[in-house]
Amino acid sequence: MSDNDRRRRFIAYFNGPPMNGDREKLIKRSRLTKGRVAQYFDEHQAFGERAAVNLALRLGLREDFFLRDGIDTSTSPNRGIAHNVILSEETVPPTIEWGDLMDSELPERFRLEVLDDSMSDLLTPGSFAKFLRCKPGERPHTGRPVLVRDRDGNHYIRDFASKTPNHWRAVPRNRHYEPLDSIEDELELVAFMVGLDWA
């Protein structure tokens, strides 16, 4: 999929409900600057897969919303642009406390309140990251936000970064935090981030 395909999907979402073409609403919901939002509309700017995933997460949508599985931008004289309402109207999963993460019976989907700025500019303290519990052996693509557990039982939200099939890193977006290593820190993947709420 090209940058222009992702941009067309974004603009289709922007022009439909709930944004209805309102840039101020988009800026408020995404917590991005006017300049950064303008770049998403500029066809001379890159709109890569990572940018599309980050924007979807900031808007509280599924991470693949602006990718091939998100919105159907096919048009016809009779139908116009189709929006996948099922994907955009997800139910809110239960919010759990960080201390409950040691429970082996985690729900399949859950929310956690973000407590630090290790994943800024994507996550800010007080926002809620939505997660899907991962199945044994599942591996996300590089750059996807994940919830990991280290050998001491500490949990972190980080970006997944693959090194080899059996070796990966959990990388913060804020450079003031150290990355974690799957072998050295004996990391375990707990869940994949699938969305973001502000309240």
Protein backbone atom coordinates (compact mmCIF):
# COMPACT_ATOMS: atom_id res chain seq x y z
CA MET A 1 0.00 0.00 0.00
CA SER A 2 1.32 3.44 -0.92
CA ASP A 3 1.46 6.64 1.13
CA ASN A 4 -1.33 8.04 -1.07
CA ASP A 5 -3.56 5.02 -0.35
CA ARG A 6 -3.10 5.53 3.40
CA ARG A 7 -3.75 9.26 3.00
CA ARG A 8 -6.96 8.59 1.05
CA ARG A 9 -8.16 6.31 3.86
CA PHE A 10 -7.33 8.98 6.43
CA ILE A 11 -9.15 11.71 4.47
CA ALA A 12 -12.18 9.42 4.04
CA TYR A 13 -12.28 8.97 7.82
CA PHE A 14 -11.74 12.72 8.40
CA ASN A 15 -14.63 13.71 6.12
CA GLY A 16 -17.07 11.25 7.71
CA PRO A 17 -18.46 10.96 11.23
CA PRO A 18 -17.37 11.69 13.91
CA MET A 19 -14.86 14.26 12.49
CA ASN A 20 -17.11 15.59 9.69
CA GLY A 21 -14.21 17.51 8.17
CA ASP A 22 -13.49 19.51 11.34
CA ARG A 23 -9.72 20.04 11.71
CA GLU A 24 -10.06 21.57 15.17
CA LYS A 25 -11.84 18.44 16.36
CA LEU A 26 -9.10 16.29 14.81
CA ILE A 27 -6.38 18.36 16.51
CA LYS A 28 -8.13 18.19 19.88
CA ARG A 29 -8.74 14.43 19.69
CA SER A 30 -5.28 13.50 18.40
CA ARG A 31 -3.42 16.02 20.60
CA LEU A 32 -1.21 16.91 17.64
CA THR A 33 -0.12 20.38 16.52
CA LYS A 34 -1.81 22.14 13.62
CA GLY A 35 1.40 21.80 11.63
CA ARG A 36 1.64 18.04 12.20
CA VAL A 37 -2.00 17.54 11.26
CA ALA A 38 -1.48 19.59 8.09
CA GLN A 39 1.28 17.18 7.06
CA TYR A 40 -1.20 14.29 6.98
CA PHE A 41 -3.19 16.15 4.29
CA ASP A 42 -0.15 17.24 2.24
CA GLU A 43 0.38 14.86 -0.68
CA HIS A 44 4.04 15.92 -0.86
CA GLN A 45 4.68 14.61 2.67
CA ALA A 46 5.32 10.97 3.54
CA PHE A 47 2.45 9.05 5.14
CA GLY A 48 4.15 5.79 6.03
CA GLU A 49 2.74 2.76 7.80
CA ARG A 50 4.15 3.82 11.17
CA ALA A 51 2.61 7.30 10.84
CA ALA A 52 -0.75 5.73 9.92
CA VAL A 53 -0.61 3.38 12.93
CA ASN A 54 0.39 6.19 15.31
CA LEU A 55 -2.41 8.44 14.08
CA ALA A 56 -5.00 5.68 14.40
CA LEU A 57 -3.90 4.93 17.96
CA ARG A 58 -3.98 8.63 18.90
CA LEU A 59 -7.56 8.80 17.64
CA GLY A 60 -8.57 5.75 19.67
CA LEU A 61 -8.99 3.57 16.58
CA ARG A 62 -7.61 0.15 15.75
CA GLU A 63 -3.96 0.42 14.74
CA ASP A 64 -4.72 -0.92 11.23
CA PHE A 65 -7.62 1.50 10.66
CA PHE A 66 -5.81 3.46 7.91
CA LEU A 67 -4.15 0.33 6.51
CA ARG A 68 -5.70 -2.37 4.32
CA ASP A 69 -8.02 -3.71 7.04
CA GLY A 70 -9.33 -0.38 8.27
CA ILE A 71 -11.60 1.55 5.98
CA ASP A 72 -12.93 0.62 2.53
CA THR A 73 -12.32 3.58 0.26
CA SER A 74 -13.89 2.05 -2.82
CA THR A 75 -16.33 4.44 -4.44
CA SER A 76 -19.23 4.18 -6.85
CA PRO A 77 -21.74 6.78 -8.09
CA ASN A 78 -24.41 5.22 -5.87
CA ARG A 79 -22.46 4.51 -2.68
CA GLY A 80 -19.63 7.00 -2.18
CA ILE A 81 -16.99 6.18 0.43
CA ALA A 82 -17.81 3.31 2.78
CA HIS A 83 -16.85 3.48 6.46
CA ASN A 84 -16.42 0.31 8.46
CA VAL A 85 -18.57 1.16 11.49
CA ILE A 86 -17.77 -2.14 13.21
CA LEU A 87 -14.10 -1.21 13.46
CA SER A 88 -14.64 2.37 14.56
CA GLU A 89 -17.26 1.68 17.24
CA GLU A 90 -15.42 -0.78 19.47
CA THR A 91 -16.76 -1.39 22.94
CA VAL A 92 -14.62 -0.08 25.78
CA PRO A 93 -12.68 -2.97 27.38
CA PRO A 94 -12.40 -3.22 31.19
CA THR A 95 -9.78 -1.05 32.86
CA ILE A 96 -7.38 -3.01 35.07
CA GLU A 97 -4.75 -1.86 37.53
CA TRP A 98 -1.04 -2.41 36.89
CA GLY A 99 -0.88 -4.67 39.94
CA ASP A 100 -3.48 -6.97 38.37
CA LEU A 101 -1.16 -7.79 35.47
CA MET A 102 0.40 -10.67 37.41
CA ASP A 103 -2.97 -12.43 37.34
CA SER A 104 -2.75 -15.33 34.89
CA GLU A 105 -6.43 -14.81 34.01
CA LEU A 106 -6.15 -11.47 32.22
CA PRO A 107 -9.18 -10.61 30.08
CA GLU A 108 -8.67 -10.94 26.33
CA ARG A 109 -9.05 -7.16 25.94
CA PHE A 110 -8.28 -4.59 28.63
CA ARG A 111 -7.18 -0.99 29.26
CA LEU A 112 -4.32 0.33 31.35
CA GLU A 113 -3.80 3.91 32.49
CA VAL A 114 -0.47 5.27 31.22
CA LEU A 115 1.66 6.35 34.19
CA ASP A 116 4.85 7.72 32.60
CA ASP A 117 6.13 9.46 29.46
CA SER A 118 8.32 6.61 28.20
CA MET A 119 6.17 6.33 25.06
CA SER A 120 5.66 10.03 24.32
CA ASP A 121 4.70 11.31 21.70
CA LEU A 122 2.19 8.45 21.36
CA LEU A 123 1.14 7.97 25.00
CA THR A 124 0.90 10.57 27.72
CA PRO A 125 0.33 10.08 31.45
CA GLY A 126 -3.38 9.83 32.17
CA SER A 127 -4.34 8.38 28.79
CA PHE A 128 -5.54 4.78 28.55
CA ALA A 129 -3.86 2.23 26.28
CA LYS A 130 -6.13 -0.55 25.01
CA PHE A 131 -4.60 -4.02 24.71
CA LEU A 132 -5.33 -7.41 23.21
CA ARG A 133 -3.73 -10.29 25.14
CA CYS A 134 -1.25 -12.10 22.88
CA LYS A 135 -1.36 -15.80 22.20
CA PRO A 136 1.68 -18.04 22.77
CA GLY A 137 4.18 -17.71 19.94
CA GLU A 138 2.63 -14.57 18.46
CA ARG A 139 5.08 -11.90 17.29
CA PRO A 140 4.05 -8.39 16.22
CA HIS A 141 5.62 -6.36 13.45
CA THR A 142 8.48 -4.03 14.37
CA GLY A 143 7.28 -0.70 15.74
CA ARG A 144 4.02 -1.99 17.20
CA PRO A 145 3.42 -0.93 20.82
CA VAL A 146 3.32 -3.91 23.18
CA LEU A 147 3.03 -4.65 26.88
CA VAL A 148 5.96 -6.72 28.17
CA ARG A 149 6.92 -8.34 31.48
CA ASP A 150 10.55 -8.73 32.65
CA ARG A 151 12.05 -11.49 34.81
CA ASP A 152 11.22 -9.53 38.00
CA GLY A 153 7.54 -9.17 37.11
CA ASN A 154 7.77 -5.51 36.10
CA HIS A 155 5.57 -4.44 33.17
CA TYR A 156 6.36 -1.86 30.49
CA ILE A 157 4.69 -0.43 27.40
CA ARG A 158 7.25 -0.28 24.61
CA ASP A 159 7.65 -0.62 20.82
CA PHE A 160 8.49 -4.11 19.61
CA ALA A 161 11.77 -4.29 17.65
CA SER A 162 12.71 -7.63 16.12
CA LYS A 163 16.39 -8.62 15.90
CA THR A 164 16.08 -12.33 14.99
CA PRO A 165 13.12 -14.74 15.16
CA ASN A 166 13.95 -15.52 18.81
CA HIS A 167 15.55 -12.24 19.89
CA TRP A 168 13.84 -8.86 20.14
CA ARG A 169 13.91 -5.59 22.02
CA ALA A 170 11.29 -3.45 23.74
CA VAL A 171 12.14 0.13 22.83
CA PRO A 172 10.78 3.32 24.47
CA ARG A 173 9.98 6.36 22.30
CA ASN A 174 11.35 8.76 24.89
CA ARG A 175 15.16 8.63 24.71
CA HIS A 176 15.46 9.23 28.46
CA TYR A 177 14.40 5.60 29.03
CA GLU A 178 16.50 2.52 28.33
CA PRO A 179 15.44 -0.21 25.88
CA LEU A 180 14.88 -3.72 27.19
CA ASP A 181 16.27 -6.91 25.67
CA SER A 182 14.24 -10.11 25.38
CA ILE A 183 17.21 -12.33 26.36
CA GLU A 184 19.07 -10.18 28.89
CA ASP A 185 15.88 -9.05 30.65
CA GLU A 186 14.01 -12.34 30.06
CA LEU A 187 11.08 -10.52 28.52
CA GLU A 188 7.68 -12.00 27.86
CA LEU A 189 5.11 -10.50 25.51
CA VAL A 190 1.88 -9.94 27.42
CA ALA A 191 -0.35 -7.99 25.02
CA PHE A 192 -0.47 -5.92 21.84
CA MET A 193 -1.69 -2.33 21.95
CA VAL A 194 -4.75 -1.91 19.75
CA GLY A 195 -6.05 1.55 20.62
CA LEU A 196 -5.97 4.61 22.85
CA ASP A 197 -8.55 6.42 24.98
CA TRP A 198 -8.21 9.80 26.65
CA ALA A 199 -10.62 9.15 29.53
